[in-house]
Amino acid sequence: MIYVWTKSLHLLFVIAWMAAVFYLPRILVNVAEAGEQAAVRERLLLMGRRLYKFGHVMFGLLLLFGMLLWLGYRLSPEAWPLVVSGGWLHAKLTLVAGLFAYYVFTARWMKRAAAGGALPGSTALRWFNELPIFLALGAIYLVIGKPF
């Protein structure tokens, strides 16, 4: 029963963090398109800061519950039916680390914009916005398929 709750909470926090990962760059696109509209720009930057903080909390919680899953498996493998053999877990964690780096990089651009720095154009930011889809798809495939 504890295993199911731990896994459920881990998945919930993964979903919440991924929402932040997907939406933060979209806010950047809107900042770039706001131009000289100071009120709109400030509101978007405030939203970005709050979303970034929320995402960090969600990432911390997903990491905590992920570690509990791993620790539970290590302490009592028969009670925690996790499949951790093979390299799929390492590959998934590498993709998650890439997503986290993407998230932090996006926040740096947000801080640059708040300080009055230049951002790439909105078209480039739209392409940048699509990048986490591929990393997330790879992680999902590895978790479901466990191909190696």
C-alpha atoms as a PDB file:
ATOM      1  CA  MET A   1       0.000   0.000   0.000  1.00  0.00           C
ATOM      2  CA  ILE A   2       2.842   2.421   0.860  1.00  0.00           C
ATOM      3  CA  TYR A   3       4.465   1.590  -2.471  1.00  0.00           C
ATOM      4  CA  VAL A   4       1.338   2.551  -4.427  1.00  0.00           C
ATOM      5  CA  TRP A   5       0.942   5.842  -2.538  1.00  0.00           C
ATOM      6  CA  THR A   6       4.615   6.687  -2.978  1.00  0.00           C
ATOM      7  CA  LYS A   7       4.482   5.952  -6.702  1.00  0.00           C
ATOM      8  CA  SER A   8       1.217   7.903  -7.069  1.00  0.00           C
ATOM      9  CA  LEU A   9       2.645  10.961  -5.328  1.00  0.00           C
ATOM     10  CA  HIS A  10       5.832  10.725  -7.396  1.00  0.00           C
ATOM     11  CA  LEU A  11       3.752  10.697 -10.576  1.00  0.00           C
ATOM     12  CA  LEU A  12       1.579  13.598  -9.377  1.00  0.00           C
ATOM     13  CA  PHE A  13       4.639  15.771  -8.733  1.00  0.00           C
ATOM     14  CA  VAL A  14       6.161  14.742 -12.073  1.00  0.00           C
ATOM     15  CA  ILE A  15       3.000  15.960 -13.811  1.00  0.00           C
ATOM     16  CA  ALA A  16       2.994  19.235 -11.858  1.00  0.00           C
ATOM     17  CA  TRP A  17       6.675  19.873 -12.613  1.00  0.00           C
ATOM     18  CA  MET A  18       6.239  19.061 -16.297  1.00  0.00           C
ATOM     19  CA  ALA A  19       3.421  21.609 -16.461  1.00  0.00           C
ATOM     20  CA  ALA A  20       5.917  24.220 -15.259  1.00  0.00           C
ATOM     21  CA  VAL A  21       8.581  22.956 -17.690  1.00  0.00           C
ATOM     22  CA  PHE A  22       6.155  23.304 -20.604  1.00  0.00           C
ATOM     23  CA  TYR A  23       4.655  26.650 -19.591  1.00  0.00           C
ATOM     24  CA  LEU A  24       7.702  28.652 -18.480  1.00  0.00           C
ATOM     25  CA  PRO A  25       9.153  28.956 -22.011  1.00  0.00           C
ATOM     26  CA  ARG A  26       5.708  29.914 -23.297  1.00  0.00           C
ATOM     27  CA  ILE A  27       5.766  32.852 -20.881  1.00  0.00           C
ATOM     28  CA  LEU A  28       9.130  33.785 -22.411  1.00  0.00           C
ATOM     29  CA  VAL A  29       7.536  33.826 -25.867  1.00  0.00           C
ATOM     30  CA  ASN A  30       4.875  36.193 -24.549  1.00  0.00           C
ATOM     31  CA  VAL A  31       7.521  38.410 -22.915  1.00  0.00           C
ATOM     32  CA  ALA A  32       9.369  38.640 -26.231  1.00  0.00           C
ATOM     33  CA  GLU A  33       6.132  39.553 -28.022  1.00  0.00           C
ATOM     34  CA  ALA A  34       5.051  42.096 -25.381  1.00  0.00           C
ATOM     35  CA  GLY A  35       7.594  44.537 -26.745  1.00  0.00           C
ATOM     36  CA  GLU A  36       7.464  47.882 -24.986  1.00  0.00           C
ATOM     37  CA  GLN A  37       4.228  47.238 -23.092  1.00  0.00           C
ATOM     38  CA  ALA A  38       5.755  47.603 -19.638  1.00  0.00           C
ATOM     39  CA  ALA A  39       2.685  46.547 -17.620  1.00  0.00           C
ATOM     40  CA  VAL A  40       2.165  43.391 -19.662  1.00  0.00           C
ATOM     41  CA  ARG A  41       5.855  42.569 -19.551  1.00  0.00           C
ATOM     42  CA  GLU A  42       6.063  43.009 -15.764  1.00  0.00           C
ATOM     43  CA  ARG A  43       2.982  40.853 -15.220  1.00  0.00           C
ATOM     44  CA  LEU A  44       4.434  38.077 -17.392  1.00  0.00           C
ATOM     45  CA  LEU A  45       7.778  38.253 -15.591  1.00  0.00           C
ATOM     46  CA  LEU A  46       5.983  38.017 -12.239  1.00  0.00           C
ATOM     47  CA  MET A  47       4.095  34.964 -13.503  1.00  0.00           C
ATOM     48  CA  GLY A  48       7.390  33.456 -14.676  1.00  0.00           C
ATOM     49  CA  ARG A  49       9.079  33.976 -11.299  1.00  0.00           C
ATOM     50  CA  ARG A  50       6.165  32.414  -9.443  1.00  0.00           C
ATOM     51  CA  LEU A  51       5.953  29.496 -11.855  1.00  0.00           C
ATOM     52  CA  TYR A  52       9.684  28.891 -11.549  1.00  0.00           C
ATOM     53  CA  LYS A  53       9.443  28.751  -7.730  1.00  0.00           C
ATOM     54  CA  PHE A  54       6.441  26.420  -7.962  1.00  0.00           C
ATOM     55  CA  GLY A  55       8.336  24.183 -10.375  1.00  0.00           C
ATOM     56  CA  HIS A  56      11.312  23.978  -8.057  1.00  0.00           C
ATOM     57  CA  VAL A  57       9.104  22.838  -5.195  1.00  0.00           C
ATOM     58  CA  MET A  58       7.449  20.230  -7.441  1.00  0.00           C
ATOM     59  CA  PHE A  59      10.852  18.997  -8.640  1.00  0.00           C
ATOM     60  CA  GLY A  60      12.036  18.646  -5.055  1.00  0.00           C
ATOM     61  CA  LEU A  61       8.958  16.628  -4.131  1.00  0.00           C
ATOM     62  CA  LEU A  62       9.190  14.379  -7.198  1.00  0.00           C
ATOM     63  CA  LEU A  63      12.851  13.783  -6.396  1.00  0.00           C
ATOM     64  CA  LEU A  64      11.989  12.958  -2.780  1.00  0.00           C
ATOM     65  CA  PHE A  65       9.329  10.425  -3.747  1.00  0.00           C
ATOM     66  CA  GLY A  66      11.541   8.998  -6.491  1.00  0.00           C
ATOM     67  CA  MET A  67      14.288   8.451  -3.927  1.00  0.00           C
ATOM     68  CA  LEU A  68      11.768   6.821  -1.589  1.00  0.00           C
ATOM     69  CA  LEU A  69      10.803   4.439  -4.402  1.00  0.00           C
ATOM     70  CA  TRP A  70      14.430   3.571  -5.021  1.00  0.00           C
ATOM     71  CA  LEU A  71      15.203   3.211  -1.302  1.00  0.00           C
ATOM     72  CA  GLY A  72      12.108   1.081  -0.711  1.00  0.00           C
ATOM     73  CA  TYR A  73      13.177  -1.232  -3.509  1.00  0.00           C
ATOM     74  CA  ARG A  74      16.702  -1.474  -2.079  1.00  0.00           C
ATOM     75  CA  LEU A  75      15.431  -2.264   1.430  1.00  0.00           C
ATOM     76  CA  SER A  76      12.575  -4.603   0.509  1.00  0.00           C
ATOM     77  CA  PRO A  77      12.535  -5.626  -3.181  1.00  0.00           C
ATOM     78  CA  GLU A  78       9.664  -8.086  -2.697  1.00  0.00           C
ATOM     79  CA  ALA A  79       7.364  -5.379  -1.291  1.00  0.00           C
ATOM     80  CA  TRP A  80       8.363  -2.695  -3.829  1.00  0.00           C
ATOM     81  CA  PRO A  81       7.892  -4.240  -7.293  1.00  0.00           C
ATOM     82  CA  LEU A  82      10.129  -1.796  -9.104  1.00  0.00           C
ATOM     83  CA  VAL A  83      12.082  -2.895 -12.150  1.00  0.00           C
ATOM     84  CA  VAL A  84      15.494  -1.279 -11.795  1.00  0.00           C
ATOM     85  CA  SER A  85      17.596  -3.764 -13.713  1.00  0.00           C
ATOM     86  CA  GLY A  86      19.124  -2.684 -16.990  1.00  0.00           C
ATOM     87  CA  GLY A  87      20.226   0.706 -18.183  1.00  0.00           C
ATOM     88  CA  TRP A  88      16.798   2.207 -18.855  1.00  0.00           C
ATOM     89  CA  LEU A  89      16.705   3.903 -15.430  1.00  0.00           C
ATOM     90  CA  HIS A  90      20.059   5.591 -15.998  1.00  0.00           C
ATOM     91  CA  ALA A  91      18.931   6.746 -19.442  1.00  0.00           C
ATOM     92  CA  LYS A  92      15.677   8.099 -17.970  1.00  0.00           C
ATOM     93  CA  LEU A  93      17.539   9.937 -15.219  1.00  0.00           C
ATOM     94  CA  THR A  94      19.822  11.442 -17.859  1.00  0.00           C
ATOM     95  CA  LEU A  95      16.781  12.756 -19.738  1.00  0.00           C
ATOM     96  CA  VAL A  96      15.318  14.112 -16.486  1.00  0.00           C
ATOM     97  CA  ALA A  97      18.626  15.866 -15.789  1.00  0.00           C
ATOM     98  CA  GLY A  98      18.401  17.349 -19.303  1.00  0.00           C
ATOM     99  CA  LEU A  99      14.868  18.559 -18.584  1.00  0.00           C
ATOM    100  CA  PHE A 100      16.026  20.124 -15.330  1.00  0.00           C
ATOM    101  CA  ALA A 101      18.922  21.867 -17.102  1.00  0.00           C
ATOM    102  CA  TYR A 102      16.436  23.136 -19.717  1.00  0.00           C
ATOM    103  CA  TYR A 103      14.207  24.432 -16.915  1.00  0.00           C
ATOM    104  CA  VAL A 104      17.064  26.272 -15.197  1.00  0.00           C
ATOM    105  CA  PHE A 105      18.278  27.687 -18.529  1.00  0.00           C
ATOM    106  CA  THR A 106      14.769  28.983 -19.248  1.00  0.00           C
ATOM    107  CA  ALA A 107      14.703  30.671 -15.834  1.00  0.00           C
ATOM    108  CA  ARG A 108      18.037  32.338 -16.593  1.00  0.00           C
ATOM    109  CA  TRP A 109      16.508  33.835 -19.725  1.00  0.00           C
ATOM    110  CA  MET A 110      13.566  34.972 -17.608  1.00  0.00           C
ATOM    111  CA  LYS A 111      15.979  36.707 -15.183  1.00  0.00           C
ATOM    112  CA  ARG A 112      17.830  38.273 -18.114  1.00  0.00           C
ATOM    113  CA  ALA A 113      14.558  39.645 -19.489  1.00  0.00           C
ATOM    114  CA  ALA A 114      13.624  41.022 -16.052  1.00  0.00           C
ATOM    115  CA  ALA A 115      16.972  42.825 -15.906  1.00  0.00           C
ATOM    116  CA  GLY A 116      16.298  44.414 -19.301  1.00  0.00           C
ATOM    117  CA  GLY A 117      18.505  42.031 -21.271  1.00  0.00           C
ATOM    118  CA  ALA A 118      17.774  40.855 -24.780  1.00  0.00           C
ATOM    119  CA  LEU A 119      15.962  37.637 -25.568  1.00  0.00           C
ATOM    120  CA  PRO A 120      16.025  35.634 -28.787  1.00  0.00           C
ATOM    121  CA  GLY A 121      13.185  36.371 -31.183  1.00  0.00           C
ATOM    122  CA  SER A 122       9.737  34.924 -30.585  1.00  0.00           C
ATOM    123  CA  THR A 123      10.143  32.411 -33.441  1.00  0.00           C
ATOM    124  CA  ALA A 124      13.353  31.033 -31.912  1.00  0.00           C
ATOM    125  CA  LEU A 125      11.672  30.907 -28.510  1.00  0.00           C
ATOM    126  CA  ARG A 126       8.731  29.004 -30.021  1.00  0.00           C
ATOM    127  CA  TRP A 127      11.158  26.366 -31.340  1.00  0.00           C
ATOM    128  CA  PHE A 128      12.915  26.307 -27.972  1.00  0.00           C
ATOM    129  CA  ASN A 129       9.499  25.790 -26.369  1.00  0.00           C
ATOM    130  CA  GLU A 130       9.121  22.452 -28.196  1.00  0.00           C
ATOM    131  CA  LEU A 131      12.384  20.916 -26.971  1.00  0.00           C
ATOM    132  CA  PRO A 132      11.109  19.389 -23.701  1.00  0.00           C
ATOM    133  CA  ILE A 133       8.483  17.402 -25.609  1.00  0.00           C
ATOM    134  CA  PHE A 134      11.187  15.157 -27.047  1.00  0.00           C
ATOM    135  CA  LEU A 135      13.004  14.717 -23.743  1.00  0.00           C
ATOM    136  CA  ALA A 136       9.756  13.930 -21.923  1.00  0.00           C
ATOM    137  CA  LEU A 137       8.665  11.490 -24.638  1.00  0.00           C
ATOM    138  CA  GLY A 138      11.981   9.678 -24.333  1.00  0.00           C
ATOM    139  CA  ALA A 139      11.631   9.423 -20.548  1.00  0.00           C
ATOM    140  CA  ILE A 140       8.043   8.159 -20.828  1.00  0.00           C
ATOM    141  CA  TYR A 141       9.070   5.544 -23.386  1.00  0.00           C
ATOM    142  CA  LEU A 142      11.896   4.341 -21.140  1.00  0.00           C
ATOM    143  CA  VAL A 143       9.638   4.058 -18.096  1.00  0.00           C
ATOM    144  CA  ILE A 144       6.892   2.184 -19.934  1.00  0.00           C
ATOM    145  CA  GLY A 145       8.989   0.063 -22.325  1.00  0.00           C
ATOM    146  CA  LYS A 146      12.138  -0.567 -20.253  1.00  0.00           C
ATOM    147  CA  PRO A 147      13.878  -1.475 -23.534  1.00  0.00           C
ATOM    148  CA  PHE A 148      17.278  -2.265 -21.991  1.00  0.00           C
END
